[in-house]
């Protein structure tokens, strides 16, 4: 039997749906217009880019983007989010593992606003809360702080 954390890192499944309480708070603050890596069954925003459409090659310009990327490709998604945020008025809000000891974290995440999540959020379909630390990383030149400064989950 696989450990819970390894399920999120494995290639078996990459479509874990964002916990609703996290999304709702951020959506109230940002008013998302595009979910950049979602599917019909797990999207949080009416307009979304599916796995088949490959958000890594799409243009996200002029959007307020929600991103809960597949954990196995997080470096590619974070790089894309950062680069897209440099375009016009694009904002990208990312729910990602807090991997503060990695090069990609320092190269990209440290350039955004970082909000750490306290607790173990339970993703839809999971039996337990995720044991690894998570963070919200916000990229975008037009964004200056907000109301969901931290999350404390039970």
Protein backbone atom coordinates (compact mmCIF):
# COMPACT_ATOMS: atom_id res chain seq x y z
CA UNK A 1 0.00 0.00 0.00
CA UNK A 2 1.43 3.39 -1.00
CA UNK A 3 1.92 6.12 1.53
CA UNK A 4 -0.47 9.05 1.19
CA UNK A 5 2.17 11.59 0.17
CA UNK A 6 3.42 9.33 -2.59
CA UNK A 7 -0.07 9.25 -4.12
CA UNK A 8 0.18 12.98 -4.82
CA UNK A 9 3.65 12.58 -6.29
CA UNK A 10 2.84 9.56 -8.43
CA UNK A 11 1.81 9.58 -12.06
CA UNK A 12 -1.29 7.50 -11.25
CA UNK A 13 -3.39 10.58 -10.66
CA UNK A 14 -2.76 14.27 -11.30
CA UNK A 15 -6.25 15.71 -11.05
CA UNK A 16 -6.70 16.27 -7.31
CA UNK A 17 -9.45 18.84 -6.87
CA UNK A 18 -8.62 21.92 -4.81
CA UNK A 19 -10.18 22.00 -1.33
CA UNK A 20 -13.25 24.23 -1.62
CA UNK A 21 -12.50 26.38 1.44
CA UNK A 22 -9.11 27.40 0.04
CA UNK A 23 -10.49 28.16 -3.40
CA UNK A 24 -13.50 30.14 -2.14
CA UNK A 25 -11.40 32.53 -0.07
CA UNK A 26 -9.01 33.18 -2.94
CA UNK A 27 -11.76 33.48 -5.53
CA UNK A 28 -13.49 36.09 -3.40
CA UNK A 29 -10.24 38.07 -3.39
CA UNK A 30 -9.16 37.57 -7.02
CA UNK A 31 -12.31 36.76 -9.03
CA UNK A 32 -10.65 34.12 -11.21
CA UNK A 33 -11.38 34.13 -14.94
CA UNK A 34 -9.35 31.06 -16.01
CA UNK A 35 -8.38 27.70 -14.48
CA UNK A 36 -5.14 26.88 -16.31
CA UNK A 37 -4.82 23.17 -15.53
CA UNK A 38 -8.15 21.52 -14.91
CA UNK A 39 -10.62 19.07 -16.28
CA UNK A 40 -14.38 19.04 -16.65
CA UNK A 41 -14.79 17.20 -13.33
CA UNK A 42 -12.40 19.26 -11.19
CA UNK A 43 -12.40 22.81 -12.57
CA UNK A 44 -13.17 25.64 -10.20
CA UNK A 45 -13.68 28.26 -12.92
CA UNK A 46 -16.12 28.23 -15.86
CA UNK A 47 -13.33 28.87 -18.38
CA UNK A 48 -10.54 26.32 -18.08
CA UNK A 49 -7.68 24.72 -19.98
CA UNK A 50 -7.86 20.94 -19.97
CA UNK A 51 -4.99 18.47 -19.89
CA UNK A 52 -5.62 17.73 -23.58
CA UNK A 53 -5.37 21.45 -24.41
CA UNK A 54 -2.08 21.60 -22.47
CA UNK A 55 -1.95 24.82 -20.47
CA UNK A 56 1.84 24.80 -20.71
CA UNK A 57 1.59 25.84 -24.38
CA UNK A 58 -1.47 28.13 -24.14
CA UNK A 59 -1.49 31.91 -23.71
CA UNK A 60 -2.89 33.09 -20.36
CA UNK A 61 -2.67 36.83 -21.11
CA UNK A 62 -5.18 39.26 -19.62
CA UNK A 63 -6.52 36.63 -17.23
CA UNK A 64 -6.78 36.16 -13.50
CA UNK A 65 -5.59 32.57 -13.34
CA UNK A 66 -6.11 29.79 -10.82
CA UNK A 67 -3.47 27.07 -10.92
CA UNK A 68 -3.47 23.81 -8.96
CA UNK A 69 -0.90 22.00 -11.12
CA UNK A 70 -0.12 18.30 -11.35
CA UNK A 71 2.44 17.76 -8.60
CA UNK A 72 4.73 15.72 -10.84
CA UNK A 73 5.30 18.66 -13.22
CA UNK A 74 5.30 21.50 -10.71
CA UNK A 75 8.59 23.04 -11.89
CA UNK A 76 7.29 23.42 -15.48
CA UNK A 77 4.01 24.90 -14.25
CA UNK A 78 5.67 27.37 -11.87
CA UNK A 79 8.03 28.57 -14.60
CA UNK A 80 5.07 29.01 -16.96
CA UNK A 81 3.03 30.84 -14.28
CA UNK A 82 5.86 33.25 -13.57
CA UNK A 83 6.50 33.98 -17.26
CA UNK A 84 2.79 34.46 -17.99
CA UNK A 85 2.52 36.90 -15.08
CA UNK A 86 5.02 39.19 -16.80
CA UNK A 87 2.52 39.74 -19.61
CA UNK A 88 0.23 42.76 -19.41
CA UNK A 89 -2.22 42.47 -16.52
CA UNK A 90 -2.03 38.71 -15.97
CA UNK A 91 -2.25 37.42 -12.39
CA UNK A 92 -1.57 33.78 -11.55
CA UNK A 93 -2.45 32.29 -8.15
CA UNK A 94 -0.81 28.91 -7.57
CA UNK A 95 -1.50 26.17 -5.02
CA UNK A 96 1.75 24.21 -4.79
CA UNK A 97 3.91 22.15 -2.44
CA UNK A 98 6.20 24.43 -0.41
CA UNK A 99 9.53 23.10 -1.66
CA UNK A 100 11.67 25.88 -0.22
CA UNK A 101 14.88 23.88 -0.66
CA UNK A 102 14.62 23.58 -4.46
CA UNK A 103 16.11 25.69 -7.22
CA UNK A 104 12.73 26.27 -8.88
CA UNK A 105 11.30 27.64 -5.62
CA UNK A 106 14.10 30.20 -5.33
CA UNK A 107 14.21 30.99 -9.05
CA UNK A 108 10.48 31.64 -9.41
CA UNK A 109 8.36 31.47 -6.22
CA UNK A 110 10.52 33.93 -4.31
CA UNK A 111 9.60 36.55 -6.94
CA UNK A 112 5.92 36.27 -6.03
CA UNK A 113 3.86 36.78 -2.90
CA UNK A 114 3.96 33.64 -0.75
CA UNK A 115 1.25 32.56 1.69
CA UNK A 116 1.86 29.37 3.62
CA UNK A 117 -0.99 27.02 4.52
CA UNK A 118 -1.12 25.83 8.12
CA UNK A 119 -2.66 22.40 8.47
CA UNK A 120 -3.30 19.44 6.21
CA UNK A 121 -5.82 20.29 3.50
CA UNK A 122 -7.89 17.38 2.28
CA UNK A 123 -8.20 17.25 -1.48
CA UNK A 124 -11.43 15.87 -2.93
CA UNK A 125 -11.17 12.11 -3.29
CA UNK A 126 -8.35 11.76 -0.74
CA UNK A 127 -8.82 9.83 2.48
CA UNK A 128 -6.50 12.02 4.59
CA UNK A 129 -5.19 15.56 4.53
CA UNK A 130 -2.00 16.10 2.59
CA UNK A 131 1.00 15.65 4.93
CA UNK A 132 3.38 17.89 3.00
CA UNK A 133 3.49 21.67 3.41
CA UNK A 134 1.61 23.74 0.84
CA UNK A 135 1.77 27.38 -0.20
CA UNK A 136 -0.17 29.85 -2.27
CA UNK A 137 2.18 31.73 -4.60
CA UNK A 138 0.87 34.81 -6.39
CA UNK A 139 2.50 36.23 -9.49
CA UNK A 140 1.50 39.46 -11.20
CA UNK A 141 2.75 43.02 -11.47
CA UNK A 142 -0.67 44.57 -10.87
CA UNK A 143 -1.32 42.63 -7.67
CA UNK A 144 -0.58 44.24 -4.30
CA UNK A 145 -1.59 42.17 -1.26
CA UNK A 146 -4.99 40.89 -0.27
CA UNK A 147 -7.36 39.56 2.34
CA UNK A 148 -6.54 35.81 2.45
CA UNK A 149 -3.17 36.26 4.10
CA UNK A 150 -3.00 32.80 5.63
CA UNK A 151 -5.02 29.64 5.96
CA UNK A 152 -5.51 27.69 9.15
CA UNK A 153 -7.14 24.36 8.46
CA UNK A 154 -8.53 21.88 10.96
